[in-house]
C-alpha atoms as a PDB file:
ATOM      1  CA  UNK A   1       9.444 -34.185 -64.158  1.00  0.00           C
ATOM      2  CA  UNK A   2       7.135 -31.345 -63.213  1.00  0.00           C
ATOM      3  CA  UNK A   3       3.465 -31.297 -64.194  1.00  0.00           C
ATOM      4  CA  UNK A   4       2.141 -28.730 -66.660  1.00  0.00           C
ATOM      5  CA  UNK A   5      -0.115 -25.965 -65.311  1.00  0.00           C
ATOM      6  CA  UNK A   6      -3.420 -24.803 -66.735  1.00  0.00           C
ATOM      7  CA  UNK A   7      -5.064 -21.557 -65.588  1.00  0.00           C
ATOM      8  CA  UNK A   8      -8.851 -21.164 -65.237  1.00  0.00           C
ATOM      9  CA  UNK A   9     -11.046 -18.389 -63.823  1.00  0.00           C
ATOM     10  CA  UNK A  10     -13.343 -19.076 -60.879  1.00  0.00           C
ATOM     11  CA  UNK A  11     -15.985 -16.510 -59.753  1.00  0.00           C
ATOM     12  CA  UNK A  12     -17.203 -15.844 -56.251  1.00  0.00           C
ATOM     13  CA  UNK A  13     -20.952 -15.863 -55.719  1.00  0.00           C
ATOM     14  CA  UNK A  14     -20.689 -12.826 -53.434  1.00  0.00           C
ATOM     15  CA  UNK A  15     -21.321  -9.574 -55.324  1.00  0.00           C
ATOM     16  CA  UNK A  16     -18.363  -7.268 -55.616  1.00  0.00           C
ATOM     17  CA  UNK A  17     -15.685  -9.887 -55.297  1.00  0.00           C
ATOM     18  CA  UNK A  18     -13.153 -10.071 -58.108  1.00  0.00           C
ATOM     19  CA  UNK A  19     -12.568 -13.174 -60.172  1.00  0.00           C
ATOM     20  CA  UNK A  20      -9.490 -15.089 -59.180  1.00  0.00           C
ATOM     21  CA  UNK A  21      -7.377 -17.674 -60.887  1.00  0.00           C
ATOM     22  CA  UNK A  22      -6.501 -21.116 -59.686  1.00  0.00           C
ATOM     23  CA  UNK A  23      -3.809 -23.334 -61.059  1.00  0.00           C
ATOM     24  CA  UNK A  24      -4.947 -26.788 -62.134  1.00  0.00           C
ATOM     25  CA  UNK A  25      -2.077 -29.211 -62.408  1.00  0.00           C
ATOM     26  CA  UNK A  26      -2.290 -31.850 -65.095  1.00  0.00           C
ATOM     27  CA  UNK A  27       0.318 -34.544 -65.561  1.00  0.00           C
ATOM     28  CA  UNK A  28       2.675 -34.314 -68.491  1.00  0.00           C
ATOM     29  CA  UNK A  29       3.155 -37.764 -69.996  1.00  0.00           C
ATOM     30  CA  UNK A  30       6.586 -38.847 -71.114  1.00  0.00           C
ATOM     31  CA  UNK A  31       6.627 -40.937 -74.268  1.00  0.00           C
ATOM     32  CA  UNK A  32       8.810 -43.985 -73.954  1.00  0.00           C
ATOM     33  CA  UNK A  33      10.307 -45.080 -77.257  1.00  0.00           C
ATOM     34  CA  UNK A  34      12.389 -47.632 -75.372  1.00  0.00           C
ATOM     35  CA  UNK A  35      13.324 -48.413 -71.807  1.00  0.00           C
ATOM     36  CA  UNK A  36      16.515 -46.367 -72.001  1.00  0.00           C
ATOM     37  CA  UNK A  37      14.392 -43.192 -72.284  1.00  0.00           C
ATOM     38  CA  UNK A  38      12.915 -43.728 -68.831  1.00  0.00           C
ATOM     39  CA  UNK A  39      13.987 -43.005 -65.303  1.00  0.00           C
ATOM     40  CA  UNK A  40      12.240 -45.510 -63.046  1.00  0.00           C
ATOM     41  CA  UNK A  41      12.612 -43.223 -60.034  1.00  0.00           C
ATOM     42  CA  UNK A  42      11.403 -39.944 -61.608  1.00  0.00           C
ATOM     43  CA  UNK A  43       8.977 -40.805 -64.400  1.00  0.00           C
ATOM     44  CA  UNK A  44       5.463 -41.036 -62.942  1.00  0.00           C
ATOM     45  CA  UNK A  45       3.337 -40.546 -66.083  1.00  0.00           C
ATOM     46  CA  UNK A  46       4.267 -42.586 -69.148  1.00  0.00           C
ATOM     47  CA  UNK A  47       2.807 -42.906 -72.628  1.00  0.00           C
ATOM     48  CA  UNK A  48       3.664 -45.925 -74.753  1.00  0.00           C
ATOM     49  CA  UNK A  49       3.909 -44.806 -78.402  1.00  0.00           C
ATOM     50  CA  UNK A  50       1.806 -46.162 -81.263  1.00  0.00           C
ATOM     51  CA  UNK A  51       3.305 -49.087 -83.090  1.00  0.00           C
ATOM     52  CA  UNK A  52       4.145 -51.078 -79.955  1.00  0.00           C
ATOM     53  CA  UNK A  53       2.400 -54.475 -79.989  1.00  0.00           C
ATOM     54  CA  UNK A  54       3.835 -56.180 -76.895  1.00  0.00           C
ATOM     55  CA  UNK A  55       4.629 -54.939 -73.406  1.00  0.00           C
ATOM     56  CA  UNK A  56       7.468 -57.293 -72.716  1.00  0.00           C
ATOM     57  CA  UNK A  57       8.224 -59.348 -69.648  1.00  0.00           C
ATOM     58  CA  UNK A  58       9.077 -57.187 -66.610  1.00  0.00           C
ATOM     59  CA  UNK A  59       8.994 -54.022 -68.788  1.00  0.00           C
ATOM     60  CA  UNK A  60       7.986 -51.791 -65.866  1.00  0.00           C
ATOM     61  CA  UNK A  61       8.845 -54.160 -63.044  1.00  0.00           C
ATOM     62  CA  UNK A  62       9.679 -52.241 -59.837  1.00  0.00           C
ATOM     63  CA  UNK A  63       8.715 -48.812 -61.228  1.00  0.00           C
ATOM     64  CA  UNK A  64       7.564 -47.927 -57.732  1.00  0.00           C
ATOM     65  CA  UNK A  65       6.716 -44.255 -58.529  1.00  0.00           C
ATOM     66  CA  UNK A  66       4.716 -44.897 -61.710  1.00  0.00           C
ATOM     67  CA  UNK A  67       1.201 -43.467 -61.227  1.00  0.00           C
ATOM     68  CA  UNK A  68      -0.402 -43.724 -64.645  1.00  0.00           C
ATOM     69  CA  UNK A  69       0.433 -45.233 -67.996  1.00  0.00           C
ATOM     70  CA  UNK A  70      -1.302 -44.952 -71.359  1.00  0.00           C
ATOM     71  CA  UNK A  71      -1.267 -48.109 -73.485  1.00  0.00           C
ATOM     72  CA  UNK A  72      -2.109 -47.529 -77.163  1.00  0.00           C
ATOM     73  CA  UNK A  73      -4.445 -49.531 -79.365  1.00  0.00           C
ATOM     74  CA  UNK A  74      -2.471 -52.184 -81.157  1.00  0.00           C
ATOM     75  CA  UNK A  75      -0.888 -53.729 -78.051  1.00  0.00           C
ATOM     76  CA  UNK A  76      -1.941 -57.386 -78.074  1.00  0.00           C
ATOM     77  CA  UNK A  77      -0.022 -58.806 -75.137  1.00  0.00           C
ATOM     78  CA  UNK A  78       0.951 -57.732 -71.639  1.00  0.00           C
ATOM     79  CA  UNK A  79       3.606 -60.227 -70.644  1.00  0.00           C
ATOM     80  CA  UNK A  80       4.432 -61.623 -67.208  1.00  0.00           C
ATOM     81  CA  UNK A  81       5.666 -59.238 -64.496  1.00  0.00           C
ATOM     82  CA  UNK A  82       5.003 -56.239 -66.805  1.00  0.00           C
ATOM     83  CA  UNK A  83       3.848 -53.940 -63.965  1.00  0.00           C
ATOM     84  CA  UNK A  84       4.923 -56.037 -60.987  1.00  0.00           C
ATOM     85  CA  UNK A  85       5.465 -54.026 -57.803  1.00  0.00           C
ATOM     86  CA  UNK A  86       4.352 -50.716 -59.359  1.00  0.00           C
ATOM     87  CA  UNK A  87       3.121 -49.734 -55.921  1.00  0.00           C
ATOM     88  CA  UNK A  88       2.048 -46.188 -56.889  1.00  0.00           C
ATOM     89  CA  UNK A  89       0.109 -47.185 -60.026  1.00  0.00           C
ATOM     90  CA  UNK A  90      -3.417 -45.785 -59.698  1.00  0.00           C
ATOM     91  CA  UNK A  91      -4.866 -45.938 -63.168  1.00  0.00           C
ATOM     92  CA  UNK A  92      -4.423 -48.007 -66.286  1.00  0.00           C
ATOM     93  CA  UNK A  93      -6.656 -48.552 -69.305  1.00  0.00           C
ATOM     94  CA  UNK A  94      -6.135 -51.776 -71.205  1.00  0.00           C
ATOM     95  CA  UNK A  95      -7.080 -51.379 -74.880  1.00  0.00           C
ATOM     96  CA  UNK A  96      -9.425 -53.783 -76.675  1.00  0.00           C
ATOM     97  CA  UNK A  97      -6.555 -55.100 -78.772  1.00  0.00           C
ATOM     98  CA  UNK A  98      -5.035 -56.974 -75.768  1.00  0.00           C
ATOM     99  CA  UNK A  99      -5.752 -60.714 -75.796  1.00  0.00           C
ATOM    100  CA  UNK A 100      -3.372 -61.933 -73.099  1.00  0.00           C
ATOM    101  CA  UNK A 101      -2.374 -60.717 -69.624  1.00  0.00           C
ATOM    102  CA  UNK A 102       0.558 -62.660 -68.208  1.00  0.00           C
ATOM    103  CA  UNK A 103       1.306 -64.069 -64.765  1.00  0.00           C
ATOM    104  CA  UNK A 104       2.116 -61.497 -62.060  1.00  0.00           C
ATOM    105  CA  UNK A 105       1.357 -58.674 -64.545  1.00  0.00           C
ATOM    106  CA  UNK A 106      -0.059 -56.367 -61.838  1.00  0.00           C
ATOM    107  CA  UNK A 107       1.289 -58.173 -58.779  1.00  0.00           C
ATOM    108  CA  UNK A 108       1.288 -55.956 -55.689  1.00  0.00           C
ATOM    109  CA  UNK A 109       0.083 -52.779 -57.424  1.00  0.00           C
ATOM    110  CA  UNK A 110      -1.160 -51.628 -54.053  1.00  0.00           C
ATOM    111  CA  UNK A 111      -2.770 -48.351 -55.194  1.00  0.00           C
ATOM    112  CA  UNK A 112      -4.644 -49.740 -58.194  1.00  0.00           C
ATOM    113  CA  UNK A 113      -8.339 -49.168 -57.403  1.00  0.00           C
ATOM    114  CA  UNK A 114     -10.138 -50.071 -60.601  1.00  0.00           C
ATOM    115  CA  UNK A 115      -9.373 -51.847 -63.834  1.00  0.00           C
ATOM    116  CA  UNK A 116     -11.480 -52.829 -66.821  1.00  0.00           C
ATOM    117  CA  UNK A 117     -10.413 -55.929 -68.690  1.00  0.00           C
ATOM    118  CA  UNK A 118     -11.437 -55.679 -72.355  1.00  0.00           C
ATOM    119  CA  UNK A 119     -13.548 -58.312 -74.099  1.00  0.00           C
ATOM    120  CA  UNK A 120     -10.545 -59.384 -76.168  1.00  0.00           C
ATOM    121  CA  UNK A 121      -8.833 -61.052 -73.170  1.00  0.00           C
ATOM    122  CA  UNK A 122      -9.374 -64.826 -72.863  1.00  0.00           C
ATOM    123  CA  UNK A 123      -7.481 -65.664 -69.669  1.00  0.00           C
ATOM    124  CA  UNK A 124      -6.362 -64.073 -66.407  1.00  0.00           C
ATOM    125  CA  UNK A 125      -2.993 -65.523 -65.467  1.00  0.00           C
ATOM    126  CA  UNK A 126      -1.604 -66.755 -62.178  1.00  0.00           C
ATOM    127  CA  UNK A 127      -1.069 -64.066 -59.518  1.00  0.00           C
ATOM    128  CA  UNK A 128      -2.142 -61.359 -62.007  1.00  0.00           C
ATOM    129  CA  UNK A 129      -3.706 -59.097 -59.357  1.00  0.00           C
ATOM    130  CA  UNK A 130      -2.255 -60.735 -56.257  1.00  0.00           C
ATOM    131  CA  UNK A 131      -1.907 -58.313 -53.306  1.00  0.00           C
ATOM    132  CA  UNK A 132      -3.668 -55.439 -55.108  1.00  0.00           C
ATOM    133  CA  UNK A 133      -5.020 -54.286 -51.760  1.00  0.00           C
ATOM    134  CA  UNK A 134      -6.873 -51.192 -53.042  1.00  0.00           C
ATOM    135  CA  UNK A 135      -8.674 -52.892 -55.929  1.00  0.00           C
ATOM    136  CA  UNK A 136     -12.394 -52.351 -55.287  1.00  0.00           C
ATOM    137  CA  UNK A 137     -13.939 -53.193 -58.596  1.00  0.00           C
ATOM    138  CA  UNK A 138     -13.049 -55.268 -61.609  1.00  0.00           C
ATOM    139  CA  UNK A 139     -15.056 -56.251 -64.645  1.00  0.00           C
ATOM    140  CA  UNK A 140     -14.288 -59.639 -66.164  1.00  0.00           C
ATOM    141  CA  UNK A 141     -15.607 -59.914 -69.736  1.00  0.00           C
ATOM    142  CA  UNK A 142     -17.414 -62.886 -71.282  1.00  0.00           C
ATOM    143  CA  UNK A 143     -14.325 -63.744 -73.294  1.00  0.00           C
ATOM    144  CA  UNK A 144     -12.389 -65.003 -70.242  1.00  0.00           C
ATOM    145  CA  UNK A 145     -12.424 -68.801 -69.873  1.00  0.00           C
ATOM    146  CA  UNK A 146     -10.092 -69.294 -66.900  1.00  0.00           C
ATOM    147  CA  UNK A 147      -9.129 -67.473 -63.723  1.00  0.00           C
ATOM    148  CA  UNK A 148      -5.607 -68.498 -62.746  1.00  0.00           C
ATOM    149  CA  UNK A 149      -4.100 -69.544 -59.425  1.00  0.00           C
ATOM    150  CA  UNK A 150      -3.805 -66.679 -56.893  1.00  0.00           C
ATOM    151  CA  UNK A 151      -5.360 -64.325 -59.519  1.00  0.00           C
ATOM    152  CA  UNK A 152      -7.058 -62.079 -56.913  1.00  0.00           C
ATOM    153  CA  UNK A 153      -5.250 -63.355 -53.817  1.00  0.00           C
ATOM    154  CA  UNK A 154      -5.444 -60.844 -50.938  1.00  0.00           C
ATOM    155  CA  UNK A 155      -7.446 -58.254 -52.878  1.00  0.00           C
ATOM    156  CA  UNK A 156      -8.988 -57.363 -49.549  1.00  0.00           C
ATOM    157  CA  UNK A 157     -10.849 -54.249 -50.786  1.00  0.00           C
ATOM    158  CA  UNK A 158     -12.685 -56.143 -53.534  1.00  0.00           C
ATOM    159  CA  UNK A 159     -16.385 -56.045 -52.614  1.00  0.00           C
ATOM    160  CA  UNK A 160     -18.026 -57.457 -55.691  1.00  0.00           C
ATOM    161  CA  UNK A 161     -17.049 -59.488 -58.686  1.00  0.00           C
ATOM    162  CA  UNK A 162     -19.114 -61.067 -61.433  1.00  0.00           C
ATOM    163  CA  UNK A 163     -17.693 -64.214 -62.951  1.00  0.00           C
ATOM    164  CA  UNK A 164     -18.929 -64.460 -66.552  1.00  0.00           C
ATOM    165  CA  UNK A 165     -20.568 -67.532 -68.067  1.00  0.00           C
ATOM    166  CA  UNK A 166     -17.505 -68.182 -70.187  1.00  0.00           C
ATOM    167  CA  UNK A 167     -15.307 -69.199 -67.215  1.00  0.00           C
ATOM    168  CA  UNK A 168     -14.692 -72.942 -66.904  1.00  0.00           C
ATOM    169  CA  UNK A 169     -12.274 -73.092 -63.969  1.00  0.00           C
ATOM    170  CA  UNK A 170     -11.438 -71.064 -60.862  1.00  0.00           C
ATOM    171  CA  UNK A 171      -7.827 -71.612 -59.859  1.00  0.00           C
ATOM    172  CA  UNK A 172      -6.004 -72.474 -56.644  1.00  0.00           C
ATOM    173  CA  UNK A 173      -6.439 -69.729 -54.009  1.00  0.00           C
ATOM    174  CA  UNK A 174      -7.902 -67.476 -56.740  1.00  0.00           C
ATOM    175  CA  UNK A 175      -9.874 -65.308 -54.268  1.00  0.00           C
ATOM    176  CA  UNK A 176      -8.119 -66.237 -51.032  1.00  0.00           C
ATOM    177  CA  UNK A 177      -8.113 -63.373 -48.543  1.00  0.00           C
ATOM    178  CA  UNK A 178     -10.719 -61.244 -50.369  1.00  0.00           C
ATOM    179  CA  UNK A 179     -12.024 -60.145 -46.993  1.00  0.00           C
ATOM    180  CA  UNK A 180     -14.560 -57.588 -48.309  1.00  0.00           C
ATOM    181  CA  UNK A 181     -16.261 -59.919 -50.792  1.00  0.00           C
ATOM    182  CA  UNK A 182     -19.863 -60.458 -49.634  1.00  0.00           C
ATOM    183  CA  UNK A 183     -21.511 -62.326 -52.463  1.00  0.00           C
ATOM    184  CA  UNK A 184     -20.414 -64.219 -55.498  1.00  0.00           C
ATOM    185  CA  UNK A 185     -22.307 -66.097 -58.180  1.00  0.00           C
ATOM    186  CA  UNK A 186     -20.496 -68.929 -59.911  1.00  0.00           C
ATOM    187  CA  UNK A 187     -21.870 -69.362 -63.438  1.00  0.00           C
ATOM    188  CA  UNK A 188     -23.038 -72.728 -64.785  1.00  0.00           C
ATOM    189  CA  UNK A 189     -20.022 -72.926 -67.066  1.00  0.00           C
ATOM    190  CA  UNK A 190     -17.657 -73.646 -64.135  1.00  0.00           C
ATOM    191  CA  UNK A 191     -16.727 -77.294 -63.685  1.00  0.00           C
ATOM    192  CA  UNK A 192     -14.392 -77.099 -60.693  1.00  0.00           C
ATOM    193  CA  UNK A 193     -13.788 -74.801 -57.731  1.00  0.00           C
ATOM    194  CA  UNK A 194     -10.065 -75.001 -56.994  1.00  0.00           C
ATOM    195  CA  UNK A 195      -8.391 -75.765 -53.680  1.00  0.00           C
ATOM    196  CA  UNK A 196      -8.647 -72.860 -51.202  1.00  0.00           C
ATOM    197  CA  UNK A 197     -10.358 -70.741 -53.917  1.00  0.00           C
ATOM    198  CA  UNK A 198     -12.339 -68.624 -51.399  1.00  0.00           C
ATOM    199  CA  UNK A 199     -10.270 -69.295 -48.283  1.00  0.00           C
ATOM    200  CA  UNK A 200     -10.568 -66.500 -45.697  1.00  0.00           C
ATOM    201  CA  UNK A 201     -13.299 -64.548 -47.508  1.00  0.00           C
ATOM    202  CA  UNK A 202     -14.501 -63.396 -44.101  1.00  0.00           C
ATOM    203  CA  UNK A 203     -17.555 -61.410 -45.236  1.00  0.00           C
ATOM    204  CA  UNK A 204     -18.868 -63.855 -47.822  1.00  0.00           C
ATOM    205  CA  UNK A 205     -22.450 -64.566 -46.737  1.00  0.00           C
ATOM    206  CA  UNK A 206     -23.908 -66.518 -49.600  1.00  0.00           C
ATOM    207  CA  UNK A 207     -22.667 -68.402 -52.604  1.00  0.00           C
ATOM    208  CA  UNK A 208     -24.523 -70.190 -55.362  1.00  0.00           C
ATOM    209  CA  UNK A 209     -22.855 -73.211 -56.903  1.00  0.00           C
ATOM    210  CA  UNK A 210     -24.327 -74.285 -60.243  1.00  0.00           C
ATOM    211  CA  UNK A 211     -25.147 -77.786 -61.485  1.00  0.00           C
ATOM    212  CA  UNK A 212     -22.076 -77.794 -63.707  1.00  0.00           C
ATOM    213  CA  UNK A 213     -19.645 -78.090 -60.755  1.00  0.00           C
ATOM    214  CA  UNK A 214     -18.459 -81.641 -60.083  1.00  0.00           C
ATOM    215  CA  UNK A 215     -15.859 -81.053 -57.372  1.00  0.00           C
ATOM    216  CA  UNK A 216     -15.216 -78.641 -54.507  1.00  0.00           C
ATOM    217  CA  UNK A 217     -11.524 -78.461 -53.699  1.00  0.00           C
ATOM    218  CA  UNK A 218      -9.703 -78.735 -50.381  1.00  0.00           C
ATOM    219  CA  UNK A 219     -10.304 -75.727 -48.136  1.00  0.00           C
ATOM    220  CA  UNK A 220     -12.421 -74.053 -50.832  1.00  0.00           C
ATOM    221  CA  UNK A 221     -14.490 -72.054 -48.294  1.00  0.00           C
ATOM    222  CA  UNK A 222     -12.287 -72.427 -45.228  1.00  0.00           C
ATOM    223  CA  UNK A 223     -12.509 -69.498 -42.746  1.00  0.00           C
ATOM    224  CA  UNK A 224     -15.562 -68.003 -44.472  1.00  0.00           C
ATOM    225  CA  UNK A 225     -16.847 -66.949 -41.072  1.00  0.00           C
ATOM    226  CA  UNK A 226     -19.958 -65.137 -42.367  1.00  0.00           C
ATOM    227  CA  UNK A 227     -21.139 -67.857 -44.752  1.00  0.00           C
ATOM    228  CA  UNK A 228     -24.718 -68.649 -43.772  1.00  0.00           C
ATOM    229  CA  UNK A 229     -26.087 -70.360 -46.828  1.00  0.00           C
ATOM    230  CA  UNK A 230     -24.700 -72.582 -49.526  1.00  0.00           C
ATOM    231  CA  UNK A 231     -26.451 -75.056 -51.783  1.00  0.00           C
ATOM    232  CA  UNK A 232     -24.443 -77.958 -53.167  1.00  0.00           C
ATOM    233  CA  UNK A 233     -25.920 -79.303 -56.423  1.00  0.00           C
ATOM    234  CA  UNK A 234     -26.354 -82.996 -57.243  1.00  0.00           C
ATOM    235  CA  UNK A 235     -23.567 -82.761 -59.803  1.00  0.00           C
ATOM    236  CA  UNK A 236     -20.914 -82.601 -57.046  1.00  0.00           C
ATOM    237  CA  UNK A 237     -19.276 -85.959 -56.384  1.00  0.00           C
ATOM    238  CA  UNK A 238     -16.496 -84.936 -54.009  1.00  0.00           C
ATOM    239  CA  UNK A 239     -16.045 -82.389 -51.231  1.00  0.00           C
ATOM    240  CA  UNK A 240     -12.376 -81.858 -50.411  1.00  0.00           C
ATOM    241  CA  UNK A 241     -10.638 -81.840 -47.042  1.00  0.00           C
ATOM    242  CA  UNK A 242     -11.346 -78.753 -44.884  1.00  0.00           C
ATOM    243  CA  UNK A 243     -13.783 -77.443 -47.539  1.00  0.00           C
ATOM    244  CA  UNK A 244     -16.006 -75.677 -44.952  1.00  0.00           C
ATOM    245  CA  UNK A 245     -13.613 -75.684 -42.007  1.00  0.00           C
ATOM    246  CA  UNK A 246     -14.389 -72.832 -39.567  1.00  0.00           C
ATOM    247  CA  UNK A 247     -17.517 -71.618 -41.381  1.00  0.00           C
ATOM    248  CA  UNK A 248     -18.820 -70.584 -37.979  1.00  0.00           C
ATOM    249  CA  UNK A 249     -22.108 -69.035 -39.220  1.00  0.00           C
ATOM    250  CA  UNK A 250     -23.226 -72.045 -41.255  1.00  0.00           C
ATOM    251  CA  UNK A 251     -26.332 -73.533 -39.599  1.00  0.00           C
ATOM    252  CA  UNK A 252     -27.646 -76.033 -42.110  1.00  0.00           C
ATOM    253  CA  UNK A 253     -26.139 -78.155 -44.829  1.00  0.00           C
ATOM    254  CA  UNK A 254     -27.537 -80.731 -47.223  1.00  0.00           C
ATOM    255  CA  UNK A 255     -25.084 -83.099 -48.840  1.00  0.00           C
ATOM    256  CA  UNK A 256     -26.445 -84.238 -52.211  1.00  0.00           C
ATOM    257  CA  UNK A 257     -26.778 -87.958 -52.960  1.00  0.00           C
ATOM    258  CA  UNK A 258     -24.095 -87.683 -55.628  1.00  0.00           C
ATOM    259  CA  UNK A 259     -21.341 -87.326 -52.993  1.00  0.00           C
ATOM    260  CA  UNK A 260     -19.533 -90.555 -52.081  1.00  0.00           C
ATOM    261  CA  UNK A 261     -17.015 -89.303 -49.518  1.00  0.00           C
ATOM    262  CA  UNK A 262     -16.681 -86.562 -46.901  1.00  0.00           C
ATOM    263  CA  UNK A 263     -13.039 -85.595 -46.456  1.00  0.00           C
ATOM    264  CA  UNK A 264     -10.991 -84.819 -43.369  1.00  0.00           C
ATOM    265  CA  UNK A 265     -11.956 -81.716 -41.329  1.00  0.00           C
ATOM    266  CA  UNK A 266     -14.691 -80.721 -43.816  1.00  0.00           C
ATOM    267  CA  UNK A 267     -16.969 -79.169 -41.175  1.00  0.00           C
ATOM    268  CA  UNK A 268     -14.395 -78.825 -38.404  1.00  0.00           C
ATOM    269  CA  UNK A 269     -15.333 -76.012 -35.991  1.00  0.00           C
ATOM    270  CA  UNK A 270     -18.620 -75.160 -37.735  1.00  0.00           C
ATOM    271  CA  UNK A 271     -19.945 -74.187 -34.341  1.00  0.00           C
ATOM    272  CA  UNK A 272     -23.406 -73.028 -35.543  1.00  0.00           C
ATOM    273  CA  UNK A 273     -24.159 -76.148 -37.595  1.00  0.00           C
ATOM    274  CA  UNK A 274     -27.393 -77.581 -36.198  1.00  0.00           C
ATOM    275  CA  UNK A 275     -28.499 -79.945 -38.919  1.00  0.00           C
ATOM    276  CA  UNK A 276     -26.827 -81.967 -41.632  1.00  0.00           C
ATOM    277  CA  UNK A 277     -28.167 -84.704 -43.873  1.00  0.00           C
ATOM    278  CA  UNK A 278     -25.797 -87.454 -45.011  1.00  0.00           C
ATOM    279  CA  UNK A 279     -27.174 -89.373 -48.001  1.00  0.00           C
ATOM    280  CA  UNK A 280     -26.946 -93.126 -48.686  1.00  0.00           C
ATOM    281  CA  UNK A 281     -24.352 -92.491 -51.387  1.00  0.00           C
ATOM    282  CA  UNK A 282     -21.641 -91.641 -48.832  1.00  0.00           C
ATOM    283  CA  UNK A 283     -19.298 -94.527 -48.030  1.00  0.00           C
ATOM    284  CA  UNK A 284     -16.580 -92.763 -46.017  1.00  0.00           C
ATOM    285  CA  UNK A 285     -16.268 -89.913 -43.529  1.00  0.00           C
ATOM    286  CA  UNK A 286     -12.802 -88.519 -42.823  1.00  0.00           C
ATOM    287  CA  UNK A 287     -11.199 -87.694 -39.490  1.00  0.00           C
ATOM    288  CA  UNK A 288     -12.424 -84.640 -37.552  1.00  0.00           C
ATOM    289  CA  UNK A 289     -15.137 -84.142 -40.198  1.00  0.00           C
ATOM    290  CA  UNK A 290     -17.653 -82.748 -37.656  1.00  0.00           C
ATOM    291  CA  UNK A 291     -15.324 -82.114 -34.737  1.00  0.00           C
ATOM    292  CA  UNK A 292     -16.103 -78.996 -32.663  1.00  0.00           C
ATOM    293  CA  UNK A 293     -19.568 -78.632 -34.233  1.00  0.00           C
ATOM    294  CA  UNK A 294     -20.920 -77.501 -30.879  1.00  0.00           C
ATOM    295  CA  UNK A 295     -24.541 -76.997 -31.996  1.00  0.00           C
ATOM    296  CA  UNK A 296     -24.872 -80.407 -33.670  1.00  0.00           C
ATOM    297  CA  UNK A 297     -27.031 -82.412 -31.257  1.00  0.00           C
ATOM    298  CA  UNK A 298     -27.793 -85.399 -33.462  1.00  0.00           C
ATOM    299  CA  UNK A 299     -26.556 -86.960 -36.666  1.00  0.00           C
ATOM    300  CA  UNK A 300     -27.745 -90.007 -38.614  1.00  0.00           C
ATOM    301  CA  UNK A 301     -25.125 -92.171 -40.314  1.00  0.00           C
ATOM    302  CA  UNK A 302     -26.539 -94.265 -43.167  1.00  0.00           C
ATOM    303  CA  UNK A 303     -25.654 -97.960 -43.526  1.00  0.00           C
ATOM    304  CA  UNK A 304     -23.709 -97.155 -46.704  1.00  0.00           C
ATOM    305  CA  UNK A 305     -20.880 -95.650 -44.616  1.00  0.00           C
ATOM    306  CA  UNK A 306     -18.206 -98.309 -44.091  1.00  0.00           C
ATOM    307  CA  UNK A 307     -15.208 -96.146 -43.217  1.00  0.00           C
ATOM    308  CA  UNK A 308     -15.219 -93.555 -40.422  1.00  0.00           C
ATOM    309  CA  UNK A 309     -12.086 -91.686 -39.313  1.00  0.00           C
ATOM    310  CA  UNK A 310     -10.975 -90.732 -35.817  1.00  0.00           C
ATOM    311  CA  UNK A 311     -12.585 -87.988 -33.714  1.00  0.00           C
ATOM    312  CA  UNK A 312     -15.291 -87.417 -36.313  1.00  0.00           C
ATOM    313  CA  UNK A 313     -18.045 -86.164 -33.970  1.00  0.00           C
ATOM    314  CA  UNK A 314     -18.161 -83.979 -30.843  1.00  0.00           C
ATOM    315  CA  UNK A 315     -18.604 -85.971 -27.637  1.00  0.00           C
ATOM    316  CA  UNK A 316     -22.034 -84.447 -26.977  1.00  0.00           C
ATOM    317  CA  UNK A 317     -23.489 -85.306 -30.385  1.00  0.00           C
ATOM    318  CA  UNK A 318     -25.893 -88.244 -30.511  1.00  0.00           C
ATOM    319  CA  UNK A 319     -24.802 -90.487 -33.358  1.00  0.00           C
ATOM    320  CA  UNK A 320     -27.486 -92.765 -34.818  1.00  0.00           C
ATOM    321  CA  UNK A 321     -26.340 -95.610 -37.055  1.00  0.00           C
ATOM    322  CA  UNK A 322     -28.958 -96.929 -39.464  1.00  0.00           C
END
């Protein structure tokens, strides 16, 4: 399919020069009445005709040369795997009629840079944008209530994302490997931060956790090397294993008196951690919880702690038991 050409006149600023023409190439969109009309190797610009209400499961799966597609108003559902592995897809506009985006819908669309999710969508499925390495910006509307597992996994160009107040849960490894993400605000509608939700967000410097959160999952902020500040609210009752493992820039941490247990390897290799306060509510500290915290000179263990794992503290740390 060859693009259509449009001719326009451009004028030189230098007096006496003649006007010249330049060809502007615009894509010619092929309308797809059904899948049999398309050639997945040749068709790069596709228009879905009016009247279509569902983009079915795996409809454009493995259309590796697809660059742009126009979805008409009236489409209500983009099913699972719809645009999976469309590695050349650069632009897509989702109409306001869409209410559901299925699992793996845009999985590994490596050239997709920007996408706007309309306010009609209520959930972002599992692995929806997983491995979209070029995605720099995404707007999540207030209608979305859940962000699925692996939803933005390895979106390593994503610098900023605003989670709306409508979101209740952030799924397993939802933002794992978002290496360019520097700041994120979790709204006070979120109840739980899933396991490994922000694992390996290397540039994340600060995060605010609201009073609505009751649990921080295993490895939630593991390998967040740049994380310097985090405030845990009194609503949190449990901090999962390896939650802050290898947060090497974290210097200070206050555990609220709502927490009853500190899991295994929670602060393992937090080499800049100088001060930590353990409240009287804590009854157990897991193995290697503060191991390799090289800057931790002293720690006070309250009398409420009855169970301490193996190799909890560095050898040079002065441990004071109340």
